[in-house]
Amino acid sequence: MKGTFYLILTGFFLATTGIWVKLIGTSISPFLLTIFRTLIAAALIFAMVVISRNMKTVETLKIKKRDALLMLVIAFFGVTIGLGFYVKSFSYVPVANSVMLVYVYPVIVTLLSWPLLKERITRWELTALVLILLGIWTIYGSEINIAADVLGNTFALLAGLGYAVFIVSMRFFEEKGYKYWNVTFWPLLLGGLLLVLLMPFEPFTFSPSGMMPLYVLGLAMVTFLGYICYAEGLKTVRALDAVIITALTEPLSAMVLAFLILGEAIPQSVLAGGALIIAANILVSREHRKKRIRRCKEKKPQECFGWTW
């Protein structure tokens, strides 16, 4: 029960991402905001590891030289594209749209796992794919052909694609015995630095006035706390169950918070499309449970971790 509570907190903390971004508004450009978010979160993780280096739950941050290039590629997809485009999408569309569209990533993981990891696609995963496509069509269909809405939704889908590539690639590090904090710290650090390459493609804005600095710090803190709670949850809850809990908690919390704090109305089409996407996530998680349990039989439970924002 304690582990489940931590995982619910994980979903809640990460669900506030869109709220912080909306509160910050146009005071800072999205890619620069993501750089601050990821580097501050990485610094907090590093500080925690240094301070708690004798704790059993905290692992070393060492990485082998031959794996550094692949970690760089993974950081690009998971953080530079995944988190960067995710934050960018909030500039164009409501929180509910972005969160729901990003959660297409479990089905994309299934499709990528077929050619790259030689994992057979089951009929339930095919059913989930159909539900995802219907969900996307439903959400897109709610727009009135406004370029900004289409662009924002596209950024959210690309973020989901980047994160899916990140997850599939991370299987490599899991198989090589890397620990949770290794594959959390390095992508955040490297991906944040790589985001500098995307900054010329958007107007530069930085106006540190009013509450903006505190909002930026708040965004970084909830990112850090989300990963901390996820690590705590994995102590007593299996990775597959952890993924299911966060996949349900985060999008639902994001919609409720956007309604309560920002006053964003949730169109019926977004609710319907979101319900289809969440149902698809449950189906995919059901099948991934079977596959990953087989892979994890000979591993320690804490070495078989899931992935979250």
C-alpha atoms as a PDB file:
ATOM      1  CA  MET A   1       0.000   0.000   0.000  1.00  0.00           C
ATOM      2  CA  LYS A   2       2.865   2.378   0.817  1.00  0.00           C
ATOM      3  CA  GLY A   3       4.432   1.751  -2.589  1.00  0.00           C
ATOM      4  CA  THR A   4       1.144   2.449  -4.338  1.00  0.00           C
ATOM      5  CA  PHE A   5       0.838   5.736  -2.452  1.00  0.00           C
ATOM      6  CA  TYR A   6       4.282   6.815  -3.671  1.00  0.00           C
ATOM      7  CA  LEU A   7       3.351   5.934  -7.251  1.00  0.00           C
ATOM      8  CA  ILE A   8       0.142   7.937  -7.030  1.00  0.00           C
ATOM      9  CA  LEU A   9       2.249  10.854  -5.800  1.00  0.00           C
ATOM     10  CA  THR A  10       4.517  10.323  -8.809  1.00  0.00           C
ATOM     11  CA  GLY A  11       1.593  10.655 -11.177  1.00  0.00           C
ATOM     12  CA  PHE A  12       0.329  13.705  -9.305  1.00  0.00           C
ATOM     13  CA  PHE A  13       3.681  15.514  -9.287  1.00  0.00           C
ATOM     14  CA  LEU A  14       4.309  14.910 -12.981  1.00  0.00           C
ATOM     15  CA  ALA A  15       0.715  15.844 -13.809  1.00  0.00           C
ATOM     16  CA  THR A  16       1.466  19.373 -12.601  1.00  0.00           C
ATOM     17  CA  THR A  17       3.976  19.923 -15.439  1.00  0.00           C
ATOM     18  CA  GLY A  18       1.426  21.585 -17.683  1.00  0.00           C
ATOM     19  CA  ILE A  19       0.128  23.719 -14.820  1.00  0.00           C
ATOM     20  CA  TRP A  20       3.579  25.144 -14.077  1.00  0.00           C
ATOM     21  CA  VAL A  21       4.220  25.785 -17.779  1.00  0.00           C
ATOM     22  CA  LYS A  22       0.903  27.602 -18.163  1.00  0.00           C
ATOM     23  CA  LEU A  23       1.569  29.697 -15.030  1.00  0.00           C
ATOM     24  CA  ILE A  24       4.985  30.691 -16.379  1.00  0.00           C
ATOM     25  CA  GLY A  25       3.354  31.684 -19.663  1.00  0.00           C
ATOM     26  CA  THR A  26       5.443  33.606 -22.181  1.00  0.00           C
ATOM     27  CA  SER A  27       8.032  34.793 -19.638  1.00  0.00           C
ATOM     28  CA  ILE A  28      10.501  32.198 -20.889  1.00  0.00           C
ATOM     29  CA  SER A  29      10.763  30.315 -24.171  1.00  0.00           C
ATOM     30  CA  PRO A  30       9.720  26.610 -23.941  1.00  0.00           C
ATOM     31  CA  PHE A  31      13.081  25.050 -24.843  1.00  0.00           C
ATOM     32  CA  LEU A  32      14.950  27.295 -22.413  1.00  0.00           C
ATOM     33  CA  LEU A  33      12.394  26.410 -19.734  1.00  0.00           C
ATOM     34  CA  THR A  34      12.981  22.702 -20.378  1.00  0.00           C
ATOM     35  CA  ILE A  35      16.740  23.256 -20.083  1.00  0.00           C
ATOM     36  CA  PHE A  36      16.278  24.823 -16.650  1.00  0.00           C
ATOM     37  CA  ARG A  37      13.841  22.064 -15.659  1.00  0.00           C
ATOM     38  CA  THR A  38      16.096  19.154 -16.623  1.00  0.00           C
ATOM     39  CA  LEU A  39      19.417  20.575 -15.419  1.00  0.00           C
ATOM     40  CA  ILE A  40      18.037  21.641 -12.028  1.00  0.00           C
ATOM     41  CA  ALA A  41      16.379  18.216 -11.603  1.00  0.00           C
ATOM     42  CA  ALA A  42      19.649  16.497 -12.597  1.00  0.00           C
ATOM     43  CA  ALA A  43      21.565  18.654 -10.097  1.00  0.00           C
ATOM     44  CA  LEU A  44      19.119  17.717  -7.338  1.00  0.00           C
ATOM     45  CA  ILE A  45      19.502  14.012  -8.173  1.00  0.00           C
ATOM     46  CA  PHE A  46      23.295  14.360  -8.122  1.00  0.00           C
ATOM     47  CA  ALA A  47      23.168  16.122  -4.755  1.00  0.00           C
ATOM     48  CA  MET A  48      20.900  13.415  -3.358  1.00  0.00           C
ATOM     49  CA  VAL A  49      23.251  10.667  -4.551  1.00  0.00           C
ATOM     50  CA  VAL A  50      26.280  12.406  -3.049  1.00  0.00           C
ATOM     51  CA  ILE A  51      24.554  13.037   0.285  1.00  0.00           C
ATOM     52  CA  SER A  52      22.981   9.572   0.454  1.00  0.00           C
ATOM     53  CA  ARG A  53      25.803   7.553  -1.110  1.00  0.00           C
ATOM     54  CA  ASN A  54      25.706   5.015   1.712  1.00  0.00           C
ATOM     55  CA  MET A  55      21.988   4.302   1.352  1.00  0.00           C
ATOM     56  CA  LYS A  56      21.166   0.933  -0.173  1.00  0.00           C
ATOM     57  CA  THR A  57      18.552   2.421  -2.493  1.00  0.00           C
ATOM     58  CA  VAL A  58      20.940   4.911  -4.097  1.00  0.00           C
ATOM     59  CA  GLU A  59      23.257   3.621  -6.798  1.00  0.00           C
ATOM     60  CA  THR A  60      26.431   5.054  -8.267  1.00  0.00           C
ATOM     61  CA  LEU A  61      26.147   7.316 -11.303  1.00  0.00           C
ATOM     62  CA  LYS A  62      29.099   5.760 -13.113  1.00  0.00           C
ATOM     63  CA  ILE A  63      28.627   4.826 -16.756  1.00  0.00           C
ATOM     64  CA  LYS A  64      30.956   2.864 -19.010  1.00  0.00           C
ATOM     65  CA  LYS A  65      32.742   4.837 -21.730  1.00  0.00           C
ATOM     66  CA  ARG A  66      31.535   2.526 -24.484  1.00  0.00           C
ATOM     67  CA  ASP A  67      27.920   3.207 -23.493  1.00  0.00           C
ATOM     68  CA  ALA A  68      28.266   6.991 -23.413  1.00  0.00           C
ATOM     69  CA  LEU A  69      27.359   7.557 -27.088  1.00  0.00           C
ATOM     70  CA  LEU A  70      24.196   5.473 -26.851  1.00  0.00           C
ATOM     71  CA  MET A  71      23.229   7.298 -23.664  1.00  0.00           C
ATOM     72  CA  LEU A  72      23.637  10.543 -25.611  1.00  0.00           C
ATOM     73  CA  VAL A  73      21.284   9.299 -28.345  1.00  0.00           C
ATOM     74  CA  ILE A  74      18.746   8.170 -25.772  1.00  0.00           C
ATOM     75  CA  ALA A  75      18.965  11.517 -23.984  1.00  0.00           C
ATOM     76  CA  PHE A  76      18.225  13.252 -27.290  1.00  0.00           C
ATOM     77  CA  PHE A  77      15.037  11.284 -27.918  1.00  0.00           C
ATOM     78  CA  GLY A  78      13.803  11.001 -24.341  1.00  0.00           C
ATOM     79  CA  VAL A  79      14.585  14.491 -23.046  1.00  0.00           C
ATOM     80  CA  THR A  80      15.475  16.814 -25.934  1.00  0.00           C
ATOM     81  CA  ILE A  81      12.574  15.644 -28.105  1.00  0.00           C
ATOM     82  CA  GLY A  82      10.340  14.052 -25.449  1.00  0.00           C
ATOM     83  CA  LEU A  83      10.367  16.684 -22.712  1.00  0.00           C
ATOM     84  CA  GLY A  84      11.283  19.593 -24.994  1.00  0.00           C
ATOM     85  CA  PHE A  85       8.359  19.106 -27.385  1.00  0.00           C
ATOM     86  CA  TYR A  86       6.053  18.226 -24.486  1.00  0.00           C
ATOM     87  CA  VAL A  87       6.640  21.617 -22.858  1.00  0.00           C
ATOM     88  CA  LYS A  88       6.455  23.288 -26.276  1.00  0.00           C
ATOM     89  CA  SER A  89       3.009  21.790 -26.915  1.00  0.00           C
ATOM     90  CA  PHE A  90       1.531  23.648 -23.921  1.00  0.00           C
ATOM     91  CA  SER A  91       2.117  26.918 -25.773  1.00  0.00           C
ATOM     92  CA  TYR A  92      -0.548  25.946 -28.298  1.00  0.00           C
ATOM     93  CA  VAL A  93      -3.111  23.607 -26.746  1.00  0.00           C
ATOM     94  CA  PRO A  94      -4.795  22.973 -23.366  1.00  0.00           C
ATOM     95  CA  VAL A  95      -3.137  20.711 -20.811  1.00  0.00           C
ATOM     96  CA  ALA A  96      -5.618  17.862 -21.387  1.00  0.00           C
ATOM     97  CA  ASN A  97      -4.799  17.671 -25.113  1.00  0.00           C
ATOM     98  CA  SER A  98      -1.038  17.468 -24.559  1.00  0.00           C
ATOM     99  CA  VAL A  99      -1.140  14.926 -21.755  1.00  0.00           C
ATOM    100  CA  MET A 100      -3.546  12.591 -23.530  1.00  0.00           C
ATOM    101  CA  LEU A 101      -1.671  12.670 -26.839  1.00  0.00           C
ATOM    102  CA  VAL A 102       1.700  12.073 -25.185  1.00  0.00           C
ATOM    103  CA  TYR A 103       0.285   8.878 -23.690  1.00  0.00           C
ATOM    104  CA  VAL A 104       0.307   7.190 -27.091  1.00  0.00           C
ATOM    105  CA  TYR A 105       3.882   6.172 -26.272  1.00  0.00           C
ATOM    106  CA  PRO A 106       3.143   2.688 -24.811  1.00  0.00           C
ATOM    107  CA  VAL A 107       1.631   1.558 -28.126  1.00  0.00           C
ATOM    108  CA  ILE A 108       4.548   3.072 -30.076  1.00  0.00           C
ATOM    109  CA  VAL A 109       6.857   1.117 -27.767  1.00  0.00           C
ATOM    110  CA  THR A 110       4.995  -2.048 -28.740  1.00  0.00           C
ATOM    111  CA  LEU A 111       5.418  -1.319 -32.456  1.00  0.00           C
ATOM    112  CA  LEU A 112       9.126  -0.511 -32.077  1.00  0.00           C
ATOM    113  CA  SER A 113       9.722  -3.595 -29.922  1.00  0.00           C
ATOM    114  CA  TRP A 114       8.646  -5.849 -32.778  1.00  0.00           C
ATOM    115  CA  PRO A 115      11.560  -5.104 -35.185  1.00  0.00           C
ATOM    116  CA  LEU A 116      14.124  -3.952 -32.599  1.00  0.00           C
ATOM    117  CA  LEU A 117      13.571  -6.347 -29.695  1.00  0.00           C
ATOM    118  CA  LYS A 118      11.970  -9.220 -31.639  1.00  0.00           C
ATOM    119  CA  GLU A 119       8.886  -9.145 -29.433  1.00  0.00           C
ATOM    120  CA  ARG A 120       5.748 -10.535 -31.031  1.00  0.00           C
ATOM    121  CA  ILE A 121       2.739  -8.216 -31.157  1.00  0.00           C
ATOM    122  CA  THR A 122      -0.332  -9.819 -29.588  1.00  0.00           C
ATOM    123  CA  ARG A 123      -3.963  -9.311 -30.591  1.00  0.00           C
ATOM    124  CA  TRP A 124      -4.558  -7.218 -27.478  1.00  0.00           C
ATOM    125  CA  GLU A 125      -1.739  -4.879 -28.457  1.00  0.00           C
ATOM    126  CA  LEU A 126      -3.234  -4.562 -31.936  1.00  0.00           C
ATOM    127  CA  THR A 127      -6.555  -3.736 -30.288  1.00  0.00           C
ATOM    128  CA  ALA A 128      -4.769  -1.080 -28.220  1.00  0.00           C
ATOM    129  CA  LEU A 129      -3.301   0.393 -31.417  1.00  0.00           C
ATOM    130  CA  VAL A 130      -6.781   0.756 -32.875  1.00  0.00           C
ATOM    131  CA  LEU A 131      -7.983   2.439 -29.663  1.00  0.00           C
ATOM    132  CA  ILE A 132      -5.020   4.836 -29.740  1.00  0.00           C
ATOM    133  CA  LEU A 133      -5.732   5.820 -33.349  1.00  0.00           C
ATOM    134  CA  LEU A 134      -9.403   6.347 -32.521  1.00  0.00           C
ATOM    135  CA  GLY A 135      -8.422   8.428 -29.478  1.00  0.00           C
ATOM    136  CA  ILE A 136      -6.073  10.620 -31.529  1.00  0.00           C
ATOM    137  CA  TRP A 137      -8.708  11.062 -34.237  1.00  0.00           C
ATOM    138  CA  THR A 138     -11.298  12.003 -31.611  1.00  0.00           C
ATOM    139  CA  ILE A 139      -9.037  14.632 -30.018  1.00  0.00           C
ATOM    140  CA  TYR A 140      -7.884  16.051 -33.340  1.00  0.00           C
ATOM    141  CA  GLY A 141     -11.479  16.077 -34.518  1.00  0.00           C
ATOM    142  CA  SER A 142     -12.347  18.448 -31.682  1.00  0.00           C
ATOM    143  CA  GLU A 143     -10.177  21.174 -33.193  1.00  0.00           C
ATOM    144  CA  ILE A 144     -11.536  23.785 -35.591  1.00  0.00           C
ATOM    145  CA  ASN A 145      -8.672  23.462 -38.096  1.00  0.00           C
ATOM    146  CA  ILE A 146      -6.692  26.176 -36.360  1.00  0.00           C
ATOM    147  CA  ALA A 147      -2.997  25.907 -37.232  1.00  0.00           C
ATOM    148  CA  ALA A 148      -1.882  26.541 -33.634  1.00  0.00           C
ATOM    149  CA  ASP A 149      -4.029  23.668 -32.328  1.00  0.00           C
ATOM    150  CA  VAL A 150      -2.760  21.258 -34.954  1.00  0.00           C
ATOM    151  CA  LEU A 151       0.834  22.318 -34.271  1.00  0.00           C
ATOM    152  CA  GLY A 152       0.419  21.868 -30.519  1.00  0.00           C
ATOM    153  CA  ASN A 153      -1.131  18.428 -30.903  1.00  0.00           C
ATOM    154  CA  THR A 154       1.668  17.458 -33.290  1.00  0.00           C
ATOM    155  CA  PHE A 155       4.315  18.551 -30.768  1.00  0.00           C
ATOM    156  CA  ALA A 156       2.591  16.369 -28.152  1.00  0.00           C
ATOM    157  CA  LEU A 157       2.544  13.344 -30.484  1.00  0.00           C
ATOM    158  CA  LEU A 158       6.222  13.857 -31.364  1.00  0.00           C
ATOM    159  CA  ALA A 159       6.998  14.026 -27.639  1.00  0.00           C
ATOM    160  CA  GLY A 160       5.265  10.672 -27.215  1.00  0.00           C
ATOM    161  CA  LEU A 161       7.261   9.252 -30.130  1.00  0.00           C
ATOM    162  CA  GLY A 162      10.546  10.513 -28.681  1.00  0.00           C
ATOM    163  CA  TYR A 163       9.741   9.033 -25.294  1.00  0.00           C
ATOM    164  CA  ALA A 164       8.814   5.694 -26.888  1.00  0.00           C
ATOM    165  CA  VAL A 165      12.207   5.506 -28.623  1.00  0.00           C
ATOM    166  CA  PHE A 166      13.790   6.376 -25.284  1.00  0.00           C
ATOM    167  CA  ILE A 167      12.027   3.506 -23.501  1.00  0.00           C
ATOM    168  CA  VAL A 168      12.907   0.896 -26.104  1.00  0.00           C
ATOM    169  CA  SER A 169      16.550   2.019 -26.089  1.00  0.00           C
ATOM    170  CA  MET A 170      16.664   1.906 -22.303  1.00  0.00           C
ATOM    171  CA  ARG A 171      15.981  -1.833 -22.442  1.00  0.00           C
ATOM    172  CA  PHE A 172      19.611  -2.095 -23.541  1.00  0.00           C
ATOM    173  CA  PHE A 173      20.821  -0.502 -20.321  1.00  0.00           C
ATOM    174  CA  GLU A 174      18.446  -2.563 -18.203  1.00  0.00           C
ATOM    175  CA  GLU A 175      19.828  -5.744 -19.738  1.00  0.00           C
ATOM    176  CA  LYS A 176      23.375  -4.519 -19.048  1.00  0.00           C
ATOM    177  CA  GLY A 177      22.590  -4.118 -15.354  1.00  0.00           C
ATOM    178  CA  TYR A 178      22.402  -0.339 -15.084  1.00  0.00           C
ATOM    179  CA  LYS A 179      20.459   0.966 -12.116  1.00  0.00           C
ATOM    180  CA  TYR A 180      17.546   3.368 -11.881  1.00  0.00           C
ATOM    181  CA  TRP A 181      19.549   6.477 -11.004  1.00  0.00           C
ATOM    182  CA  ASN A 182      22.045   5.904 -13.823  1.00  0.00           C
ATOM    183  CA  VAL A 183      19.338   6.041 -16.458  1.00  0.00           C
ATOM    184  CA  THR A 184      17.560   8.952 -14.783  1.00  0.00           C
ATOM    185  CA  PHE A 185      20.452  11.321 -14.122  1.00  0.00           C
ATOM    186  CA  TRP A 186      22.380  11.054 -17.399  1.00  0.00           C
ATOM    187  CA  PRO A 187      19.456  11.519 -19.842  1.00  0.00           C
ATOM    188  CA  LEU A 188      18.278  14.564 -17.865  1.00  0.00           C
ATOM    189  CA  LEU A 189      21.760  16.108 -17.868  1.00  0.00           C
ATOM    190  CA  LEU A 190      22.718  15.297 -21.462  1.00  0.00           C
ATOM    191  CA  GLY A 191      19.249  15.878 -22.914  1.00  0.00           C
ATOM    192  CA  GLY A 192      19.043  19.255 -21.209  1.00  0.00           C
ATOM    193  CA  LEU A 193      22.385  20.293 -22.693  1.00  0.00           C
ATOM    194  CA  LEU A 194      21.375  19.071 -26.164  1.00  0.00           C
ATOM    195  CA  LEU A 195      18.295  21.284 -26.014  1.00  0.00           C
ATOM    196  CA  VAL A 196      20.620  24.235 -26.595  1.00  0.00           C
ATOM    197  CA  LEU A 197      20.767  23.072 -30.228  1.00  0.00           C
ATOM    198  CA  LEU A 198      17.015  23.649 -30.617  1.00  0.00           C
ATOM    199  CA  MET A 199      16.948  27.133 -29.105  1.00  0.00           C
ATOM    200  CA  PRO A 200      17.682  28.934 -32.428  1.00  0.00           C
ATOM    201  CA  PHE A 201      14.423  27.488 -33.797  1.00  0.00           C
ATOM    202  CA  GLU A 202      12.205  29.495 -31.454  1.00  0.00           C
ATOM    203  CA  PRO A 203      12.126  33.163 -30.383  1.00  0.00           C
ATOM    204  CA  PHE A 204      14.296  33.699 -27.315  1.00  0.00           C
ATOM    205  CA  THR A 205      12.390  34.951 -24.298  1.00  0.00           C
ATOM    206  CA  PHE A 206      13.663  35.312 -20.733  1.00  0.00           C
ATOM    207  CA  SER A 207      11.988  37.726 -18.353  1.00  0.00           C
ATOM    208  CA  PRO A 208      12.782  36.712 -14.754  1.00  0.00           C
ATOM    209  CA  SER A 209      10.271  38.981 -13.107  1.00  0.00           C
ATOM    210  CA  GLY A 210       7.499  38.411 -10.584  1.00  0.00           C
ATOM    211  CA  MET A 211       6.845  34.769  -9.679  1.00  0.00           C
ATOM    212  CA  MET A 212       8.491  33.304 -12.783  1.00  0.00           C
ATOM    213  CA  PRO A 213      11.746  32.128 -11.088  1.00  0.00           C
ATOM    214  CA  LEU A 214       9.727  30.373  -8.364  1.00  0.00           C
ATOM    215  CA  TYR A 215       7.508  28.704 -10.965  1.00  0.00           C
ATOM    216  CA  VAL A 216      10.580  27.435 -12.844  1.00  0.00           C
ATOM    217  CA  LEU A 217      12.008  26.066  -9.605  1.00  0.00           C
ATOM    218  CA  GLY A 218       8.634  24.493  -8.827  1.00  0.00           C
ATOM    219  CA  LEU A 219       8.609  22.741 -12.216  1.00  0.00           C
ATOM    220  CA  ALA A 220      12.103  21.351 -11.599  1.00  0.00           C
ATOM    221  CA  MET A 221      11.174  20.283  -8.063  1.00  0.00           C
ATOM    222  CA  VAL A 222       8.080  18.311  -9.097  1.00  0.00           C
ATOM    223  CA  THR A 223      10.208  16.583 -11.747  1.00  0.00           C
ATOM    224  CA  PHE A 224      12.750  15.627  -9.091  1.00  0.00           C
ATOM    225  CA  LEU A 225      10.077  14.590  -6.570  1.00  0.00           C
ATOM    226  CA  GLY A 226       8.324  12.528  -9.245  1.00  0.00           C
ATOM    227  CA  TYR A 227      11.446  10.449  -9.829  1.00  0.00           C
ATOM    228  CA  ILE A 228      12.102  10.136  -6.080  1.00  0.00           C
ATOM    229  CA  CYS A 229       8.565   8.880  -5.398  1.00  0.00           C
ATOM    230  CA  TYR A 230       8.815   6.496  -8.348  1.00  0.00           C
ATOM    231  CA  ALA A 231      12.017   5.016  -6.926  1.00  0.00           C
ATOM    232  CA  GLU A 232      10.358   4.630  -3.514  1.00  0.00           C
ATOM    233  CA  GLY A 233       7.312   2.991  -5.082  1.00  0.00           C
ATOM    234  CA  LEU A 234       9.472   0.460  -6.918  1.00  0.00           C
ATOM    235  CA  LYS A 235      10.714  -0.867  -3.568  1.00  0.00           C
ATOM    236  CA  THR A 236       7.425  -2.648  -2.927  1.00  0.00           C
ATOM    237  CA  VAL A 237       5.495  -2.505  -6.222  1.00  0.00           C
ATOM    238  CA  ARG A 238       6.488  -4.378  -9.366  1.00  0.00           C
ATOM    239  CA  ALA A 239       7.602  -2.226 -12.297  1.00  0.00           C
ATOM    240  CA  LEU A 240       4.682  -3.311 -14.476  1.00  0.00           C
ATOM    241  CA  ASP A 241       2.150  -2.341 -11.819  1.00  0.00           C
ATOM    242  CA  ALA A 242       4.020   0.937 -11.322  1.00  0.00           C
ATOM    243  CA  VAL A 243       3.631   1.815 -15.001  1.00  0.00           C
ATOM    244  CA  ILE A 244      -0.110   1.108 -14.874  1.00  0.00           C
ATOM    245  CA  ILE A 245      -0.626   3.233 -11.747  1.00  0.00           C
ATOM    246  CA  THR A 246       1.252   6.240 -13.122  1.00  0.00           C
ATOM    247  CA  ALA A 247      -0.340   5.882 -16.577  1.00  0.00           C
ATOM    248  CA  LEU A 248      -3.759   6.229 -14.958  1.00  0.00           C
ATOM    249  CA  THR A 249      -2.905   8.807 -12.296  1.00  0.00           C
ATOM    250  CA  GLU A 250      -0.989  11.359 -14.364  1.00  0.00           C
ATOM    251  CA  PRO A 251      -3.436  12.110 -17.227  1.00  0.00           C
ATOM    252  CA  LEU A 252      -6.478  12.117 -14.953  1.00  0.00           C
ATOM    253  CA  SER A 253      -4.763  14.369 -12.400  1.00  0.00           C
ATOM    254  CA  ALA A 254      -3.585  16.714 -15.148  1.00  0.00           C
ATOM    255  CA  MET A 255      -7.119  17.220 -16.467  1.00  0.00           C
ATOM    256  CA  VAL A 256      -8.584  17.834 -13.011  1.00  0.00           C
ATOM    257  CA  LEU A 257      -5.806  20.252 -12.010  1.00  0.00           C
ATOM    258  CA  ALA A 258      -6.087  22.162 -15.291  1.00  0.00           C
ATOM    259  CA  PHE A 259      -9.803  22.569 -14.655  1.00  0.00           C
ATOM    260  CA  LEU A 260      -9.441  23.608 -10.999  1.00  0.00           C
ATOM    261  CA  ILE A 261      -6.365  25.859 -11.260  1.00  0.00           C
ATOM    262  CA  LEU A 262      -6.425  27.180 -14.821  1.00  0.00           C
ATOM    263  CA  GLY A 263     -10.139  27.013 -15.442  1.00  0.00           C
ATOM    264  CA  GLU A 264      -9.557  25.055 -18.651  1.00  0.00           C
ATOM    265  CA  ALA A 265     -12.735  23.445 -19.899  1.00  0.00           C
ATOM    266  CA  ILE A 266     -12.388  19.816 -20.941  1.00  0.00           C
ATOM    267  CA  PRO A 267     -14.270  19.208 -24.213  1.00  0.00           C
ATOM    268  CA  GLN A 268     -16.280  16.002 -24.426  1.00  0.00           C
ATOM    269  CA  SER A 269     -14.215  14.946 -27.438  1.00  0.00           C
ATOM    270  CA  VAL A 270     -11.007  15.190 -25.376  1.00  0.00           C
ATOM    271  CA  LEU A 271     -12.604  13.183 -22.561  1.00  0.00           C
ATOM    272  CA  ALA A 272     -13.739  10.534 -25.033  1.00  0.00           C
ATOM    273  CA  GLY A 273     -10.392  10.411 -26.831  1.00  0.00           C
ATOM    274  CA  GLY A 274      -8.552  10.355 -23.514  1.00  0.00           C
ATOM    275  CA  ALA A 275     -10.686   7.451 -22.283  1.00  0.00           C
ATOM    276  CA  LEU A 276      -9.754   5.466 -25.406  1.00  0.00           C
ATOM    277  CA  ILE A 277      -6.050   6.222 -24.919  1.00  0.00           C
ATOM    278  CA  ILE A 278      -6.160   5.240 -21.228  1.00  0.00           C
ATOM    279  CA  ALA A 279      -7.964   1.986 -22.146  1.00  0.00           C
ATOM    280  CA  ALA A 280      -5.235   1.294 -24.702  1.00  0.00           C
ATOM    281  CA  ASN A 281      -2.579   1.892 -22.016  1.00  0.00           C
ATOM    282  CA  ILE A 282      -4.237  -0.669 -19.748  1.00  0.00           C
ATOM    283  CA  LEU A 283      -4.320  -3.261 -22.543  1.00  0.00           C
ATOM    284  CA  VAL A 284      -0.679  -2.654 -23.467  1.00  0.00           C
ATOM    285  CA  SER A 285       0.412  -2.789 -19.819  1.00  0.00           C
ATOM    286  CA  ARG A 286      -1.434  -6.106 -19.471  1.00  0.00           C
ATOM    287  CA  GLU A 287       0.602  -7.591 -22.310  1.00  0.00           C
ATOM    288  CA  HIS A 288       3.874  -5.977 -21.250  1.00  0.00           C
ATOM    289  CA  ARG A 289       3.389  -7.528 -17.808  1.00  0.00           C
ATOM    290  CA  LYS A 290       3.529 -11.010 -19.318  1.00  0.00           C
ATOM    291  CA  LYS A 291       6.569 -10.229 -21.476  1.00  0.00           C
ATOM    292  CA  ARG A 292       8.599  -8.438 -18.838  1.00  0.00           C
ATOM    293  CA  ILE A 293       7.880 -10.962 -16.109  1.00  0.00           C
ATOM    294  CA  ARG A 294       9.521 -13.553 -18.352  1.00  0.00           C
ATOM    295  CA  ARG A 295      12.545 -11.292 -18.848  1.00  0.00           C
ATOM    296  CA  CYS A 296      12.806 -10.436 -15.154  1.00  0.00           C
ATOM    297  CA  LYS A 297      12.556 -13.930 -13.689  1.00  0.00           C
ATOM    298  CA  GLU A 298      16.288 -14.188 -13.117  1.00  0.00           C
ATOM    299  CA  LYS A 299      16.739 -10.590 -11.987  1.00  0.00           C
ATOM    300  CA  LYS A 300      16.343  -8.881  -8.657  1.00  0.00           C
ATOM    301  CA  PRO A 301      13.046  -6.949  -8.499  1.00  0.00           C
ATOM    302  CA  GLN A 302      14.773  -3.577  -8.190  1.00  0.00           C
ATOM    303  CA  GLU A 303      16.796  -4.260 -11.355  1.00  0.00           C
ATOM    304  CA  CYS A 304      13.658  -4.540 -13.449  1.00  0.00           C
ATOM    305  CA  PHE A 305      12.293  -1.028 -13.488  1.00  0.00           C
ATOM    306  CA  GLY A 306       9.682   0.769 -15.514  1.00  0.00           C
ATOM    307  CA  TRP A 307       9.819   4.260 -16.917  1.00  0.00           C
ATOM    308  CA  THR A 308       8.018   7.479 -16.204  1.00  0.00           C
ATOM    309  CA  TRP A 309       8.285  11.196 -16.965  1.00  0.00           C
END
